[in-house]
Amino acid sequence: MLPSEVKTWPPVSMQMRDYNALLTRIANAYYNLGLERAQLSDLSGAAELLKRSLRFDKYQTDARNLLGLIYYEMGEVSEALVQWVISLNLSPEDNRADHYLDEIQRKPGIIAQEGLLIRRFNQALHQAQHGAEDLAIISLNQIIRVKPDYVKAQILLALLYLDAGQNTKAGKSLMKVLSIDRNNRLALILMDEVKKRTGRAEVERNRMKNAFSHRRLEDDDVILPKEKKQATAGQTVMHLLLGTLLGLGIFMLLILPSQRRSYNLAANERIAQNSSELNDLNARYSELSGEYESMSAAYQDASERLSAFEEENAAFTSMYRTLVGIQNDYAAGELVSAATEYLGIDRSLINEEPLTGMLAEIDRYMLNEGFDQLVSMGTAAWNGGQLQNAESLYDLALQINGADPEALFLKARLIQSQGRVTEANAIFDVIVGEHPESPYAERAMQARGY
């Protein structure tokens, strides 16, 4: 039975005459949904919603900046930079992207480091595609050691571990991805495969089955009482027929004619109005699609310019890698390796920040703490009977600071104890002649015999 009252169609957003305001509202709605997803750590889902927001309003600065932050959180720094640069170009005034870009510039060498990580990831991907899975795993482990939140690297590493049958290691990589992006589709698929291989999937199914079986009756459960008296089948059918005939008669005589006329009139007006507005919106959508294609081209151009910048600064990247390697070796206690690399630096290639700042810092600790540790290591090796190793350590220290009278005296005494008197006397003479005020000058003369 049709209702007795005709209800008009609910008003829709197409009735708005200002289509720019309509598109802005749609973009804002997608942005709000993306923000909620991001707050729930669903980064990939948030990124898709923010991209939709930008399709409707490329000037949605908050959406573009948030998309850049999501890329940054997932380890895609170059993608984040592209979004922030575009955002700043479109809205230069009071734009949060300016702060993000300034923070990036304050971190020395981050662009060069990101370029290096991207090339390493591409190299690992090429190795994985051409049968060198072991080398790819090594490269990816080096990447995530520096940058554990690099989602693409973690997923590729998990895939290679699965292929190699190392299911536990694959699970660890996927857990890291899901801690960053809880609904990452590829990570969830691979995690299902890990659970199947390790037996976790069956355990979880049994746990769910036990949770919902043999359910005890709760206080809120409703028990329907038995009916004391039921109508016969004939009585039920008769009641239904009488009610149907009565209702149909009233509807046909009183309601249907006037309802049909008003319904048709309203429907025709609505169809005409909606058709006009739909045509206008389609035209606007086509225009926005063109703008989106233009932005895609701008993004591609920015990516190409970033690649060109990285290629033009190959020497910068190589020297940056060397300095970072020295810092890492020193921090790991590999002092001999750090000192050897330090002595091999080509200082003519270091003439701009952040390399000059990094080299100054390395000079500071290599000429002080590093030098002292090498001398102490040489003396410890001498006391332990490792004479050749002790001499090598003294030589390495003297290459860093050849003017230190203590290190000179210790080396001279070491080689004197081995019977190399002529070499030792030459060093004693240097101490006496160049460091006469040093307490080691008198000791050198005594060891020299005058």
Protein backbone atom coordinates (compact mmCIF):
# COMPACT_ATOMS: atom_id res chain seq x y z
CA MET A 1 0.00 0.00 0.00
CA LEU A 2 1.33 3.47 -0.91
CA PRO A 3 1.52 6.03 1.91
CA SER A 4 -1.36 8.38 2.37
CA GLU A 5 0.90 11.45 2.25
CA VAL A 6 3.19 12.26 -0.68
CA LYS A 7 6.69 13.23 0.49
CA THR A 8 8.91 15.30 -1.79
CA TRP A 9 12.44 14.17 -2.51
CA PRO A 10 15.00 15.26 0.09
CA PRO A 11 17.02 18.33 -0.81
CA VAL A 12 20.48 17.55 -2.18
CA SER A 13 23.69 19.53 -2.56
CA MET A 14 23.06 19.94 -6.31
CA GLN A 15 20.54 22.67 -5.48
CA MET A 16 23.39 24.97 -4.54
CA ARG A 17 24.14 27.62 -7.14
CA ASP A 18 27.72 28.28 -6.07
CA TYR A 19 29.49 25.22 -7.46
CA ASN A 20 32.89 26.31 -6.20
CA ALA A 21 31.51 26.26 -2.69
CA LEU A 22 30.05 22.81 -3.39
CA LEU A 23 33.40 21.44 -4.53
CA THR A 24 35.11 22.99 -1.53
CA ARG A 25 32.64 21.29 0.78
CA ILE A 26 33.29 17.94 -0.92
CA ALA A 27 37.05 18.45 -0.65
CA ASN A 28 36.73 19.38 3.03
CA ALA A 29 34.62 16.28 3.67
CA TYR A 30 37.29 14.05 2.13
CA TYR A 31 39.95 15.89 4.13
CA ASN A 32 38.07 15.31 7.39
CA LEU A 33 37.71 11.62 6.59
CA GLY A 34 41.42 11.43 5.73
CA LEU A 35 42.33 13.17 8.99
CA GLU A 36 40.27 10.63 10.96
CA ARG A 37 42.00 7.76 9.16
CA ALA A 38 45.42 9.29 9.83
CA GLN A 39 44.60 9.66 13.53
CA LEU A 40 43.76 5.94 13.56
CA SER A 41 47.15 5.12 11.95
CA ASP A 42 45.47 4.06 8.70
CA LEU A 43 47.98 6.01 6.61
CA SER A 44 47.37 4.37 3.22
CA GLY A 45 43.60 4.82 3.58
CA ALA A 46 44.11 8.43 4.66
CA ALA A 47 46.35 9.08 1.64
CA GLU A 48 43.67 7.87 -0.78
CA LEU A 49 41.03 10.13 0.79
CA LEU A 50 43.36 13.14 0.76
CA LYS A 51 44.12 12.56 -2.93
CA ARG A 52 40.37 12.61 -3.61
CA SER A 53 40.12 15.87 -1.67
CA LEU A 54 42.80 17.44 -3.87
CA ARG A 55 40.99 16.31 -7.03
CA PHE A 56 38.06 18.52 -6.06
CA ASP A 57 40.11 21.43 -4.69
CA LYS A 58 43.80 21.67 -5.47
CA TYR A 59 44.03 24.65 -3.09
CA GLN A 60 43.05 22.48 -0.11
CA THR A 61 46.28 23.32 1.71
CA ASP A 62 45.55 21.28 4.83
CA ALA A 63 44.89 18.14 2.77
CA ARG A 64 48.10 18.55 0.74
CA ASN A 65 50.22 19.26 3.83
CA LEU A 66 48.74 16.27 5.66
CA LEU A 67 49.41 14.09 2.61
CA GLY A 68 53.04 15.23 2.76
CA LEU A 69 53.23 14.33 6.46
CA ILE A 70 51.83 10.87 5.70
CA TYR A 71 54.44 10.32 3.01
CA TYR A 72 57.12 11.49 5.46
CA GLU A 73 55.82 9.11 8.15
CA MET A 74 56.00 6.21 5.68
CA GLY A 75 59.59 7.06 4.79
CA GLU A 76 58.79 8.71 1.43
CA VAL A 77 60.62 11.98 2.08
CA SER A 78 60.96 12.90 -1.61
CA GLU A 79 57.19 12.50 -2.11
CA ALA A 80 56.57 14.64 0.99
CA LEU A 81 58.87 17.37 -0.35
CA VAL A 82 56.97 17.45 -3.65
CA GLN A 83 53.62 17.93 -1.88
CA TRP A 84 54.98 20.68 0.40
CA VAL A 85 56.66 22.54 -2.47
CA ILE A 86 53.42 22.46 -4.50
CA SER A 87 51.45 23.56 -1.43
CA LEU A 88 53.77 26.51 -0.82
CA ASN A 89 53.61 27.58 -4.47
CA LEU A 90 49.81 27.53 -4.47
CA SER A 91 49.38 29.20 -1.04
CA PRO A 92 52.54 31.08 0.00
CA GLU A 93 50.95 32.99 2.89
CA ASP A 94 50.73 31.43 6.37
CA ASN A 95 51.37 27.95 5.02
CA ARG A 96 52.48 25.21 7.40
CA ALA A 97 54.46 23.64 4.54
CA ASP A 98 57.01 26.45 4.89
CA HIS A 99 57.75 25.20 8.43
CA TYR A 100 58.08 21.59 7.26
CA LEU A 101 60.50 22.53 4.47
CA ASP A 102 62.52 24.66 6.88
CA GLU A 103 62.79 21.72 9.29
CA ILE A 104 64.07 19.51 6.46
CA GLN A 105 66.70 22.10 5.47
CA ARG A 106 67.95 22.31 9.05
CA LYS A 107 68.89 18.63 9.01
CA PRO A 108 72.30 18.46 7.29
CA GLY A 109 72.46 16.21 4.26
CA ILE A 110 68.95 14.77 4.58
CA ILE A 111 68.17 15.27 0.87
CA ALA A 112 71.40 13.59 -0.15
CA GLN A 113 70.78 10.78 2.32
CA GLU A 114 67.24 10.25 1.01
CA GLY A 115 68.55 10.15 -2.54
CA LEU A 116 71.08 7.52 -1.50
CA LEU A 117 68.38 5.42 0.19
CA ILE A 118 66.15 5.62 -2.88
CA ARG A 119 68.98 4.43 -5.12
CA ARG A 120 69.76 1.61 -2.72
CA PHE A 121 66.09 0.57 -2.69
CA ASN A 122 65.94 0.60 -6.49
CA GLN A 123 69.14 -1.46 -6.57
CA ALA A 124 67.65 -3.97 -4.12
CA LEU A 125 64.47 -4.16 -6.21
CA HIS A 126 66.56 -4.82 -9.34
CA GLN A 127 68.51 -7.53 -7.52
CA ALA A 128 65.30 -9.18 -6.31
CA GLN A 129 63.85 -9.15 -9.85
CA HIS A 130 66.96 -10.71 -11.36
CA GLY A 131 67.59 -13.64 -9.03
CA ALA A 132 69.95 -12.02 -6.51
CA GLU A 133 67.59 -12.30 -3.54
CA ASP A 134 70.41 -12.67 -0.99
CA LEU A 135 72.05 -9.42 -2.10
CA ALA A 136 68.64 -7.72 -2.09
CA ILE A 137 68.04 -8.81 1.52
CA ILE A 138 71.43 -7.44 2.56
CA SER A 139 70.74 -4.11 0.82
CA LEU A 140 67.27 -3.80 2.36
CA ASN A 141 68.61 -4.56 5.84
CA GLN A 142 71.15 -1.76 5.38
CA ILE A 143 68.32 0.59 4.39
CA ILE A 144 66.03 -0.20 7.31
CA ARG A 145 68.94 -0.05 9.74
CA VAL A 146 69.23 3.63 8.79
CA LYS A 147 65.50 4.18 8.25
CA PRO A 148 63.25 1.56 9.92
CA ASP A 149 60.03 3.42 8.96
CA TYR A 150 60.65 3.00 5.20
CA VAL A 151 57.43 1.08 4.49
CA LYS A 152 58.29 0.03 0.92
CA ALA A 153 61.63 -1.41 2.02
CA GLN A 154 60.05 -3.33 4.92
CA ILE A 155 57.37 -4.85 2.65
CA LEU A 156 59.88 -5.91 -0.02
CA LEU A 157 62.12 -7.40 2.70
CA ALA A 158 59.16 -9.34 4.13
CA LEU A 159 58.30 -10.66 0.65
CA LEU A 160 61.89 -11.86 0.14
CA TYR A 161 61.92 -13.48 3.59
CA LEU A 162 58.67 -15.30 2.76
CA ASP A 163 60.16 -16.53 -0.51
CA ALA A 164 63.20 -17.79 1.42
CA GLY A 165 61.02 -19.53 4.02
CA GLN A 166 62.10 -17.22 6.86
CA ASN A 167 58.56 -16.64 8.09
CA THR A 168 59.45 -15.22 11.51
CA LYS A 169 61.66 -12.51 10.04
CA ALA A 170 58.96 -11.69 7.50
CA GLY A 171 56.45 -11.32 10.32
CA LYS A 172 58.72 -8.90 12.17
CA SER A 173 59.04 -6.68 9.10
CA LEU A 174 55.27 -6.74 8.54
CA MET A 175 54.59 -5.92 12.19
CA LYS A 176 56.76 -2.83 11.78
CA VAL A 177 54.76 -1.81 8.69
CA LEU A 178 51.41 -2.32 10.46
CA SER A 179 52.60 -0.33 13.46
CA ILE A 180 53.06 2.59 11.05
CA ASP A 181 50.15 1.92 8.67
CA ARG A 182 47.67 -0.42 10.38
CA ASN A 183 45.54 -1.09 7.26
CA ASN A 184 48.28 -1.41 4.66
CA ARG A 185 46.64 -3.76 2.18
CA LEU A 186 49.76 -5.54 0.95
CA ALA A 187 51.14 -5.94 4.47
CA LEU A 188 47.85 -7.48 5.65
CA ILE A 189 47.85 -9.95 2.73
CA LEU A 190 51.43 -10.98 3.45
CA MET A 191 50.69 -11.24 7.19
CA ASP A 192 47.85 -13.68 6.43
CA GLU A 193 50.34 -15.81 4.52
CA VAL A 194 52.78 -15.66 7.45
CA LYS A 195 50.02 -16.79 9.83
CA LYS A 196 49.10 -19.67 7.54
CA ARG A 197 52.69 -20.86 7.37
CA THR A 198 53.33 -20.55 11.09
CA GLY A 199 49.99 -22.01 12.19
CA ARG A 200 48.76 -18.78 13.74
CA ALA A 201 45.76 -18.60 11.39
CA GLU A 202 44.37 -21.92 12.62
CA VAL A 203 44.96 -20.94 16.25
CA GLU A 204 43.03 -17.68 15.76
CA ARG A 205 40.14 -19.47 13.99
CA ASN A 206 39.82 -21.96 16.85
CA ARG A 207 39.92 -19.15 19.37
CA MET A 208 37.06 -17.35 17.61
CA LYS A 209 35.07 -20.58 17.30
CA ASN A 210 35.41 -21.27 21.01
CA ALA A 211 34.45 -17.70 21.85
CA PHE A 212 31.10 -17.96 20.05
CA SER A 213 30.14 -21.55 20.83
CA HIS A 214 28.30 -22.87 23.94
CA ARG A 215 27.14 -19.39 24.80
CA ARG A 216 25.53 -19.16 28.18
CA LEU A 217 22.19 -17.42 28.60
CA GLU A 218 22.71 -13.78 29.58
CA ASP A 219 20.45 -11.59 31.73
CA ASP A 220 19.47 -9.45 28.73
CA ASP A 221 18.29 -12.40 26.61
CA VAL A 222 14.54 -12.26 25.88
CA ILE A 223 12.43 -15.40 26.30
CA LEU A 224 9.24 -15.22 24.27
CA PRO A 225 6.23 -16.58 26.17
CA LYS A 226 4.02 -19.19 24.60
CA GLU A 227 0.72 -17.94 23.25
CA LYS A 228 -2.25 -19.10 25.23
CA LYS A 229 -4.61 -19.02 22.27
CA GLN A 230 -3.99 -18.94 18.53
CA ALA A 231 -6.40 -18.10 15.70
CA THR A 232 -7.28 -20.83 13.26
CA ALA A 233 -5.94 -20.76 9.71
CA GLY A 234 -9.34 -19.93 8.24
CA GLN A 235 -9.85 -16.99 10.57
CA THR A 236 -6.40 -15.59 9.73
CA VAL A 237 -6.98 -15.73 5.98
CA MET A 238 -10.40 -14.10 6.29
CA HIS A 239 -9.00 -11.20 8.33
CA LEU A 240 -6.25 -10.59 5.79
CA LEU A 241 -8.67 -10.55 2.84
CA LEU A 242 -11.07 -8.14 4.49
CA GLY A 243 -8.29 -5.73 5.50
CA THR A 244 -6.73 -5.79 2.04
CA LEU A 245 -10.05 -5.14 0.22
CA LEU A 246 -11.00 -2.29 2.53
CA GLY A 247 -7.65 -0.56 2.25
CA LEU A 248 -7.51 -0.94 -1.53
CA GLY A 249 -10.94 0.57 -1.96
CA ILE A 250 -10.13 3.65 0.11
CA PHE A 251 -6.86 4.13 -1.73
CA MET A 252 -8.33 3.82 -5.24
CA LEU A 253 -11.25 6.19 -4.60
CA LEU A 254 -9.79 8.91 -2.41
CA ILE A 255 -6.02 9.03 -2.43
CA LEU A 256 -4.55 7.72 -5.67
CA PRO A 257 -5.84 10.31 -8.22
CA SER A 258 -4.70 13.46 -6.39
CA GLN A 259 -1.51 11.80 -5.23
CA ARG A 260 -0.58 10.75 -8.76
CA ARG A 261 -1.02 14.27 -10.15
CA SER A 262 1.06 15.96 -7.46
CA TYR A 263 3.70 13.26 -7.65
CA ASN A 264 4.07 13.54 -11.43
CA LEU A 265 4.26 17.35 -11.31
CA ALA A 266 6.93 17.35 -8.60
CA ALA A 267 8.88 14.59 -10.32
CA ASN A 268 8.95 16.41 -13.66
CA GLU A 269 10.16 19.63 -12.06
CA ARG A 270 12.80 17.78 -10.09
CA ILE A 271 14.06 15.92 -13.14
CA ALA A 272 14.41 19.12 -15.17
CA GLN A 273 16.20 20.93 -12.35
CA ASN A 274 18.53 18.01 -11.58
CA SER A 275 19.39 17.53 -15.25
CA SER A 276 20.48 21.15 -15.57
CA GLU A 277 22.53 21.06 -12.40
CA LEU A 278 24.08 17.72 -13.32
CA ASN A 279 25.27 19.12 -16.66
CA ASP A 280 26.88 22.08 -14.90
CA LEU A 281 28.58 19.81 -12.38
CA ASN A 282 29.87 17.50 -15.10
CA ALA A 283 31.43 20.48 -16.85
CA ARG A 284 33.04 21.60 -13.59
CA TYR A 285 34.28 18.09 -12.90
CA SER A 286 35.89 17.95 -16.35
CA GLU A 287 37.63 21.24 -15.59
CA LEU A 288 38.90 19.88 -12.27
CA SER A 289 40.09 16.71 -13.96
CA GLY A 290 42.17 18.85 -16.32
CA GLU A 291 43.66 20.70 -13.37
CA TYR A 292 44.47 17.39 -11.71
CA GLU A 293 46.30 16.24 -14.84
CA SER A 294 48.24 19.51 -14.79
CA MET A 295 49.22 18.90 -11.18
CA SER A 296 50.29 15.36 -12.03
CA ALA A 297 52.56 16.76 -14.73
CA ALA A 298 53.99 19.25 -12.22
CA TYR A 299 54.64 16.40 -9.82
CA GLN A 300 56.43 14.43 -12.54
CA ASP A 301 58.51 17.48 -13.40
CA ALA A 302 59.46 17.97 -9.75
CA SER A 303 60.47 14.31 -9.48
CA GLU A 304 62.64 14.60 -12.58
CA ARG A 305 64.28 17.77 -11.27
CA LEU A 306 65.00 16.01 -7.98
CA SER A 307 66.63 13.11 -9.84
CA ALA A 308 68.70 15.54 -11.91
CA PHE A 309 69.81 17.29 -8.72
CA GLU A 310 70.92 13.99 -7.23
CA GLU A 311 72.88 13.04 -10.36
CA GLU A 312 74.60 16.43 -10.53
CA ASN A 313 75.70 16.03 -6.92
CA ALA A 314 77.23 12.57 -7.17
CA ALA A 315 80.53 13.80 -5.71
CA PHE A 316 78.66 15.44 -2.84
CA THR A 317 76.77 12.21 -2.15
CA SER A 318 79.94 10.09 -2.25
CA MET A 319 81.77 12.36 0.18
CA TYR A 320 78.70 12.53 2.43
CA ARG A 321 78.58 8.74 2.45
CA THR A 322 82.27 8.62 3.45
CA LEU A 323 81.80 11.07 6.33
CA VAL A 324 78.71 9.22 7.56
CA GLY A 325 80.68 5.96 7.38
CA ILE A 326 83.43 7.46 9.55
CA GLN A 327 80.86 8.64 12.08
CA ASN A 328 79.14 5.23 12.13
CA ASP A 329 82.43 3.32 12.50
CA TYR A 330 83.57 5.61 15.32
CA ALA A 331 80.23 5.25 17.11
CA ALA A 332 80.41 1.44 16.72
CA GLY A 333 83.92 1.32 18.24
CA GLU A 334 85.61 0.49 14.90
CA LEU A 335 88.31 3.10 15.55
CA VAL A 336 90.95 1.67 13.20
CA SER A 337 88.50 1.59 10.30
CA ALA A 338 87.30 5.12 11.12
CA ALA A 339 90.87 6.45 11.30
CA THR A 340 91.84 4.78 8.01
CA GLU A 341 88.86 6.32 6.21
CA TYR A 342 89.55 9.66 7.89
CA LEU A 343 93.12 9.76 6.56
CA GLY A 344 91.85 9.02 3.04
CA ILE A 345 89.49 12.03 2.86
CA ASP A 346 90.02 14.31 -0.16
CA ARG A 347 89.54 17.67 1.54
CA SER A 348 89.51 19.53 -1.79
CA LEU A 349 86.02 18.11 -2.41
CA ILE A 350 84.62 19.49 0.84
CA ASN A 351 83.75 23.13 0.32
CA GLU A 352 80.08 23.53 1.27
CA GLU A 353 77.62 22.79 4.03
CA PRO A 354 76.72 20.37 5.47
CA LEU A 355 79.97 18.57 4.56
CA THR A 356 82.21 21.26 6.08
CA GLY A 357 80.32 21.08 9.38
CA MET A 358 80.49 17.28 9.44
CA LEU A 359 84.25 17.33 8.70
CA ALA A 360 84.87 19.89 11.47
CA GLU A 361 83.09 17.64 13.94
CA ILE A 362 85.06 14.58 12.75
CA ASP A 363 88.34 16.56 12.99
CA ARG A 364 87.47 17.49 16.56
CA TYR A 365 87.03 13.99 17.90
CA MET A 366 89.66 12.30 15.70
CA LEU A 367 92.37 14.79 16.73
CA ASN A 368 91.46 14.44 20.40
CA GLU A 369 89.56 11.40 21.67
CA GLY A 370 90.31 9.27 18.60
CA PHE A 371 94.04 10.03 18.69
CA ASP A 372 94.26 9.32 22.42
CA GLN A 373 92.41 6.02 22.02
CA LEU A 374 94.74 4.88 19.22
CA VAL A 375 97.80 5.62 21.39
CA SER A 376 96.24 3.76 24.33
CA MET A 377 95.38 0.81 22.06
CA GLY A 378 98.99 0.71 20.83
CA THR A 379 100.36 0.68 24.38
CA ALA A 380 97.91 -2.09 25.35
CA ALA A 381 99.00 -4.17 22.34
CA TRP A 382 102.67 -3.61 23.31
CA ASN A 383 102.00 -4.78 26.86
CA GLY A 384 100.22 -7.82 25.45
CA GLY A 385 103.24 -8.76 23.32
CA GLN A 386 101.60 -7.74 20.00
CA LEU A 387 104.53 -5.63 18.84
CA GLN A 388 103.61 -5.39 15.16
CA ASN A 389 100.04 -4.42 15.96
CA ALA A 390 101.27 -1.85 18.50
CA GLU A 391 103.56 -0.25 15.92
CA SER A 392 100.71 -0.09 13.37
CA LEU A 393 98.48 1.66 15.90
CA TYR A 394 101.22 4.16 16.81
CA ASP A 395 101.79 4.85 13.09
CA LEU A 396 98.07 5.41 12.54
CA ALA A 397 97.94 7.84 15.48
CA LEU A 398 101.03 9.73 14.22
CA GLN A 399 99.46 10.09 10.76
CA ILE A 400 96.62 11.93 12.47
CA ASN A 401 98.88 14.02 14.72
CA GLY A 402 102.58 13.59 13.96
CA ALA A 403 103.59 16.38 16.32
CA ASP A 404 102.66 14.61 19.53
CA PRO A 405 105.90 13.95 21.52
CA GLU A 406 104.36 11.19 23.65
CA ALA A 407 103.31 9.10 20.66
CA LEU A 408 106.72 9.68 19.04
CA PHE A 409 108.53 8.60 22.20
CA LEU A 410 106.39 5.45 22.61
CA LYS A 411 107.01 4.37 19.00
CA ALA A 412 110.75 5.04 19.33
CA ARG A 413 110.98 2.97 22.52
CA LEU A 414 108.97 0.17 20.87
CA ILE A 415 111.26 -0.16 17.85
CA GLN A 416 114.34 0.33 20.09
CA SER A 417 113.23 -2.72 22.09
CA GLN A 418 113.22 -4.67 18.82
CA GLY A 419 116.84 -3.74 18.08
CA ARG A 420 116.05 -1.14 15.42
CA VAL A 421 118.33 1.39 17.07
CA THR A 422 118.97 3.65 14.07
CA GLU A 423 115.25 4.24 13.44
CA ALA A 424 114.63 4.82 17.15
CA ASN A 425 117.52 7.32 17.44
CA ALA A 426 116.15 9.30 14.50
CA ILE A 427 112.80 9.69 16.28
CA PHE A 428 114.53 10.57 19.58
CA ASP A 429 116.39 13.34 17.73
CA VAL A 430 113.11 14.71 16.38
CA ILE A 431 111.65 14.85 19.91
CA VAL A 432 114.74 16.64 21.30
CA GLY A 433 114.98 19.05 18.37
CA GLU A 434 111.31 19.90 17.81
CA HIS A 435 109.90 19.51 21.32
CA PRO A 436 112.67 20.66 23.69
CA GLU A 437 110.18 21.91 26.31
CA SER A 438 108.36 18.58 26.43
CA PRO A 439 109.00 16.24 29.39
CA TYR A 440 109.70 13.58 26.77
CA ALA A 441 112.75 15.50 25.48
CA GLU A 442 114.85 14.57 28.54
CA ARG A 443 113.60 10.98 28.42
CA ALA A 444 114.52 10.82 24.74
CA MET A 445 118.06 12.01 25.48
CA GLN A 446 118.42 9.39 28.16
CA ALA A 447 117.17 6.68 25.84
CA ARG A 448 119.49 8.07 23.12
CA GLY A 449 122.45 7.82 25.48
CA TYR A 450 123.47 11.46 25.86
